[in-house]
């Protein structure tokens, strides 16, 4: 299937791979990202139908009506999934959204995969930026921490300004996570919890806690990876999804 774009609930949705009525893989990006950030994973899953989408406020969904409602994020993912058998993968905040949909026991989901989904309601998780911090500065600080100063400096002024402009949305999404949004104890489908070997103690603790809660879960550490694994280690991330497909008993 040649990659193409369509609109679902005013969101830009991209489909690629092999058309398969029995399985689709949906990739959900995190904060200050877009569907393009998932493309390296999609390219390693060409034998499956892969759906990526720009979440509300990002990429080509930037003009979709913005919302501070977390339930809107769930509704958007539900609309993208529709009623087709799905393995969903979420990175960071995208993982929170994927886990929340799985917590609701969405009947279309066959397995859920996350990579470093935060547990921001925990006392040991850092608080969102306070009101006196410029959201644009907070966005730049976060991205520098994830991709490194050298790569940030090489983005170019136009891209840097776009990312900084997403700071307000990023802060809203960080604040939305202070309320607990998912409970892995309620997830009865296969759950693959990924974490990078190079990621910090909080990421390790969060991944371990979520995996322990899940009744049918695995904790998988990606060697040499940090939080940006979908970009730096896409084959390993695709491997997490393949594990989920196997654990779900999907044979195609």
Protein backbone atom coordinates (compact mmCIF):
# COMPACT_ATOMS: atom_id res chain seq x y z
CA UNK A 1 0.00 0.00 0.00
CA UNK A 2 1.35 3.41 -0.98
CA UNK A 3 1.26 5.76 2.03
CA UNK A 4 -1.67 8.12 1.88
CA UNK A 5 -3.31 10.71 4.07
CA UNK A 6 -6.93 11.01 5.07
CA UNK A 7 -8.91 12.96 7.64
CA UNK A 8 -10.52 11.39 10.69
CA UNK A 9 -12.27 13.80 13.06
CA UNK A 10 -10.25 16.63 11.43
CA UNK A 11 -7.02 14.76 12.19
CA UNK A 12 -4.39 13.91 9.57
CA UNK A 13 -4.12 10.12 9.39
CA UNK A 14 -1.49 8.24 7.39
CA UNK A 15 -1.81 4.62 6.27
CA UNK A 16 0.95 2.46 4.85
CA UNK A 17 1.99 -1.15 4.49
CA UNK A 18 -0.13 -4.12 3.48
CA UNK A 19 -3.91 -3.79 3.63
CA UNK A 20 -5.09 -6.35 6.18
CA UNK A 21 -8.68 -6.52 7.49
CA UNK A 22 -7.53 -8.76 10.36
CA UNK A 23 -4.89 -6.46 11.89
CA UNK A 24 -3.84 -2.84 11.92
CA UNK A 25 -1.05 -1.27 13.95
CA UNK A 26 -1.74 2.23 15.24
CA UNK A 27 1.20 4.39 16.33
CA UNK A 28 0.56 7.27 18.75
CA UNK A 29 3.21 9.97 19.14
CA UNK A 30 4.05 11.91 22.27
CA UNK A 31 4.26 15.61 23.12
CA UNK A 32 6.05 18.01 20.76
CA UNK A 33 6.06 15.36 18.05
CA UNK A 34 3.97 14.33 15.08
CA UNK A 35 3.18 11.25 12.98
CA UNK A 36 6.46 11.75 11.12
CA UNK A 37 8.26 10.81 14.33
CA UNK A 38 6.82 7.31 13.97
CA UNK A 39 7.70 6.79 10.31
CA UNK A 40 10.91 4.86 10.95
CA UNK A 41 8.95 2.31 12.94
CA UNK A 42 6.30 2.07 10.22
CA UNK A 43 8.95 1.37 7.59
CA UNK A 44 10.05 -1.68 9.56
CA UNK A 45 6.54 -3.08 9.70
CA UNK A 46 5.72 -3.00 5.99
CA UNK A 47 4.17 -6.47 6.10
CA UNK A 48 1.38 -4.99 8.23
CA UNK A 49 -1.05 -2.13 7.75
CA UNK A 50 0.31 0.73 9.86
CA UNK A 51 -1.62 3.86 10.81
CA UNK A 52 0.02 7.00 12.13
CA UNK A 53 -1.77 10.23 12.92
CA UNK A 54 -0.94 13.77 13.91
CA UNK A 55 -2.54 14.28 17.28
CA UNK A 56 -4.70 17.32 17.80
CA UNK A 57 -2.60 20.49 17.66
CA UNK A 58 0.43 18.88 15.99
CA UNK A 59 1.68 18.57 12.41
CA UNK A 60 -1.10 18.63 9.84
CA UNK A 61 -3.67 18.41 12.63
CA UNK A 62 -2.49 21.77 13.97
CA UNK A 63 -5.73 23.38 12.80
CA UNK A 64 -8.00 20.82 14.45
CA UNK A 65 -9.86 22.46 17.33
CA UNK A 66 -7.57 22.32 20.34
CA UNK A 67 -8.71 20.83 23.61
CA UNK A 68 -7.48 20.55 27.17
CA UNK A 69 -9.70 17.50 27.66
CA UNK A 70 -7.87 14.20 28.01
CA UNK A 71 -11.07 12.40 27.04
CA UNK A 72 -10.77 14.09 23.63
CA UNK A 73 -7.44 12.34 23.13
CA UNK A 74 -9.12 9.02 23.93
CA UNK A 75 -11.99 9.78 21.58
CA UNK A 76 -9.55 10.66 18.80
CA UNK A 77 -7.62 7.41 19.19
CA UNK A 78 -10.87 5.46 19.35
CA UNK A 79 -11.96 7.09 16.07
CA UNK A 80 -8.67 6.17 14.39
CA UNK A 81 -8.87 2.59 15.64
CA UNK A 82 -12.57 2.31 14.74
CA UNK A 83 -13.70 -1.30 15.14
CA UNK A 84 -10.79 -3.03 13.43
CA UNK A 85 -8.51 -5.50 15.27
CA UNK A 86 -5.63 -3.34 16.46
CA UNK A 87 -2.27 -3.44 18.17
CA UNK A 88 -1.64 0.07 19.47
CA UNK A 89 1.77 1.54 20.25
CA UNK A 90 2.26 4.76 22.19
CA UNK A 91 5.44 6.71 22.86
CA UNK A 92 5.65 8.80 26.03
CA UNK A 93 2.36 10.76 26.33
CA UNK A 94 1.12 8.69 23.41
CA UNK A 95 1.65 5.69 25.66
CA UNK A 96 -0.57 7.26 28.30
CA UNK A 97 -3.32 7.64 25.70
CA UNK A 98 -2.88 4.06 24.47
CA UNK A 99 -2.94 2.68 28.02
CA UNK A 100 -6.01 4.74 28.86
CA UNK A 101 -7.90 3.29 25.89
CA UNK A 102 -6.79 -0.21 26.91
CA UNK A 103 -7.89 0.47 30.50
CA UNK A 104 -11.37 1.08 29.10
CA UNK A 105 -11.14 -2.41 27.57
CA UNK A 106 -11.78 -1.23 24.04
CA UNK A 107 -12.99 -4.32 22.21
CA UNK A 108 -10.93 -3.63 19.07
CA UNK A 109 -7.60 -3.77 20.87
CA UNK A 110 -5.66 -7.03 20.69
CA UNK A 111 -2.50 -5.78 22.44
CA UNK A 112 -0.94 -2.55 23.67
CA UNK A 113 2.70 -1.52 23.50
CA UNK A 114 4.26 1.47 25.21
CA UNK A 115 7.66 3.06 25.37
CA UNK A 116 8.35 5.15 28.45
CA UNK A 117 4.79 6.17 29.23
CA UNK A 118 4.95 8.51 32.25
CA UNK A 119 3.30 7.92 35.62
CA UNK A 120 2.95 11.61 36.38
CA UNK A 121 0.45 11.13 39.21
CA UNK A 122 3.13 9.45 41.32
CA UNK A 123 4.72 11.54 44.07
CA UNK A 124 8.17 10.69 42.74
CA UNK A 125 7.39 12.07 39.25
CA UNK A 126 8.46 15.69 38.60
CA UNK A 127 5.70 18.30 38.54
CA UNK A 128 4.75 20.13 35.33
CA UNK A 129 6.38 23.53 34.72
CA UNK A 130 4.95 26.22 37.02
CA UNK A 131 2.95 29.15 35.67
CA UNK A 132 5.92 31.51 35.76
CA UNK A 133 7.90 29.39 33.27
CA UNK A 134 7.58 30.37 29.61
CA UNK A 135 5.98 27.36 27.84
CA UNK A 136 8.19 27.92 24.79
CA UNK A 137 11.29 27.74 26.97
CA UNK A 138 9.93 24.60 28.63
CA UNK A 139 9.42 22.98 25.23
CA UNK A 140 12.95 23.82 24.14
CA UNK A 141 14.36 22.52 27.43
CA UNK A 142 12.51 19.23 27.04
CA UNK A 143 13.58 18.72 23.45
CA UNK A 144 17.20 19.54 24.18
CA UNK A 145 17.09 16.89 26.88
CA UNK A 146 15.60 14.29 24.53
CA UNK A 147 17.46 14.89 21.27
CA UNK A 148 20.56 16.69 22.56
CA UNK A 149 21.88 20.22 22.09
CA UNK A 150 23.70 19.46 18.85
CA UNK A 151 20.62 18.15 17.09
CA UNK A 152 18.47 20.96 18.45
CA UNK A 153 20.94 23.56 17.19
CA UNK A 154 20.88 21.89 13.78
CA UNK A 155 17.11 22.04 13.36
CA UNK A 156 17.10 25.54 11.91
CA UNK A 157 15.29 28.59 13.19
CA UNK A 158 11.95 27.89 11.48
CA UNK A 159 11.65 24.39 12.95
CA UNK A 160 12.88 25.56 16.34
CA UNK A 161 10.18 28.24 16.45
CA UNK A 162 7.51 25.70 15.49
CA UNK A 163 8.56 23.43 18.32
CA UNK A 164 8.71 26.30 20.79
CA UNK A 165 5.22 27.34 19.69
CA UNK A 166 4.00 23.90 20.77
CA UNK A 167 5.10 24.61 24.33
CA UNK A 168 1.67 25.65 25.56
CA UNK A 169 0.14 22.42 24.29
CA UNK A 170 3.00 20.45 25.82
CA UNK A 171 2.44 22.05 29.23
CA UNK A 172 -1.29 21.30 29.02
CA UNK A 173 -0.51 17.67 28.24
CA UNK A 174 1.93 17.44 31.13
CA UNK A 175 -0.69 18.84 33.48
CA UNK A 176 -3.32 16.43 32.16
CA UNK A 177 -1.18 13.51 33.31
CA UNK A 178 -1.09 14.59 36.96
CA UNK A 179 -4.49 12.90 37.22
CA UNK A 180 -4.13 9.15 36.87
CA UNK A 181 -5.27 8.22 33.37
CA UNK A 182 -4.63 4.50 33.16
CA UNK A 183 -4.51 1.43 35.36
CA UNK A 184 -2.62 -1.53 33.94
CA UNK A 185 -4.43 -3.82 36.40
CA UNK A 186 -7.53 -3.28 34.27
CA UNK A 187 -5.77 -4.34 31.06
CA UNK A 188 -6.33 -8.00 30.25
CA UNK A 189 -4.80 -8.07 26.76
CA UNK A 190 -1.05 -8.51 26.14
CA UNK A 191 0.89 -5.47 27.34
CA UNK A 192 4.48 -4.84 26.28
CA UNK A 193 6.21 -2.14 28.33
CA UNK A 194 9.39 -0.79 26.76
CA UNK A 195 12.11 1.33 28.34
CA UNK A 196 15.52 2.49 27.17
CA UNK A 197 18.64 1.18 28.87
CA UNK A 198 20.07 4.71 28.87
CA UNK A 199 16.96 6.35 30.31
CA UNK A 200 16.92 7.66 33.87
CA UNK A 201 15.74 6.11 37.11
CA UNK A 202 12.22 7.55 36.86
CA UNK A 203 11.63 6.03 33.43
CA UNK A 204 12.91 2.68 34.69
CA UNK A 205 10.73 2.85 37.80
CA UNK A 206 7.64 3.82 35.81
CA UNK A 207 8.11 1.02 33.28
CA UNK A 208 8.67 -1.54 36.02
CA UNK A 209 5.59 -0.42 37.97
CA UNK A 210 3.34 -0.57 34.91
CA UNK A 211 4.64 -3.99 33.88
CA UNK A 212 4.13 -5.35 37.41
CA UNK A 213 0.52 -4.14 37.40
CA UNK A 214 -0.35 -5.77 34.09
CA UNK A 215 -1.83 -9.26 34.27
CA UNK A 216 -0.41 -10.24 30.89
CA UNK A 217 2.60 -8.00 30.53
CA UNK A 218 6.28 -8.01 29.65
CA UNK A 219 8.95 -5.48 30.51
CA UNK A 220 11.48 -5.09 27.68
CA UNK A 221 14.62 -2.96 27.91
CA UNK A 222 16.08 -1.68 24.64
CA UNK A 223 19.86 -1.77 24.83
CA UNK A 224 21.62 1.52 24.21
CA UNK A 225 18.39 3.48 23.83
CA UNK A 226 17.08 6.58 25.57
CA UNK A 227 13.70 8.30 25.40
CA UNK A 228 14.03 9.01 21.67
CA UNK A 229 14.14 5.30 20.74
CA UNK A 230 11.46 5.59 18.01
CA UNK A 231 13.96 7.73 16.12
CA UNK A 232 17.26 6.19 17.21
CA UNK A 233 16.29 2.51 17.62
CA UNK A 234 13.23 2.00 15.37
CA UNK A 235 13.99 -1.65 14.63
CA UNK A 236 14.06 -2.45 18.35
CA UNK A 237 10.80 -0.57 18.89
CA UNK A 238 9.24 -2.44 15.96
CA UNK A 239 10.43 -5.58 17.74
CA UNK A 240 8.29 -4.69 20.75
CA UNK A 241 5.28 -4.55 18.45
CA UNK A 242 6.16 -7.91 16.93
CA UNK A 243 6.30 -9.41 20.43
CA UNK A 244 2.82 -8.02 21.10
CA UNK A 245 1.49 -9.53 17.87
CA UNK A 246 2.89 -12.91 18.88
CA UNK A 247 1.57 -12.67 22.44
CA UNK A 248 -1.87 -11.79 21.09
CA UNK A 249 -1.86 -14.99 19.03
CA UNK A 250 -2.05 -13.13 15.72
CA UNK A 251 -0.56 -15.38 13.05
CA UNK A 252 -0.64 -13.24 9.90
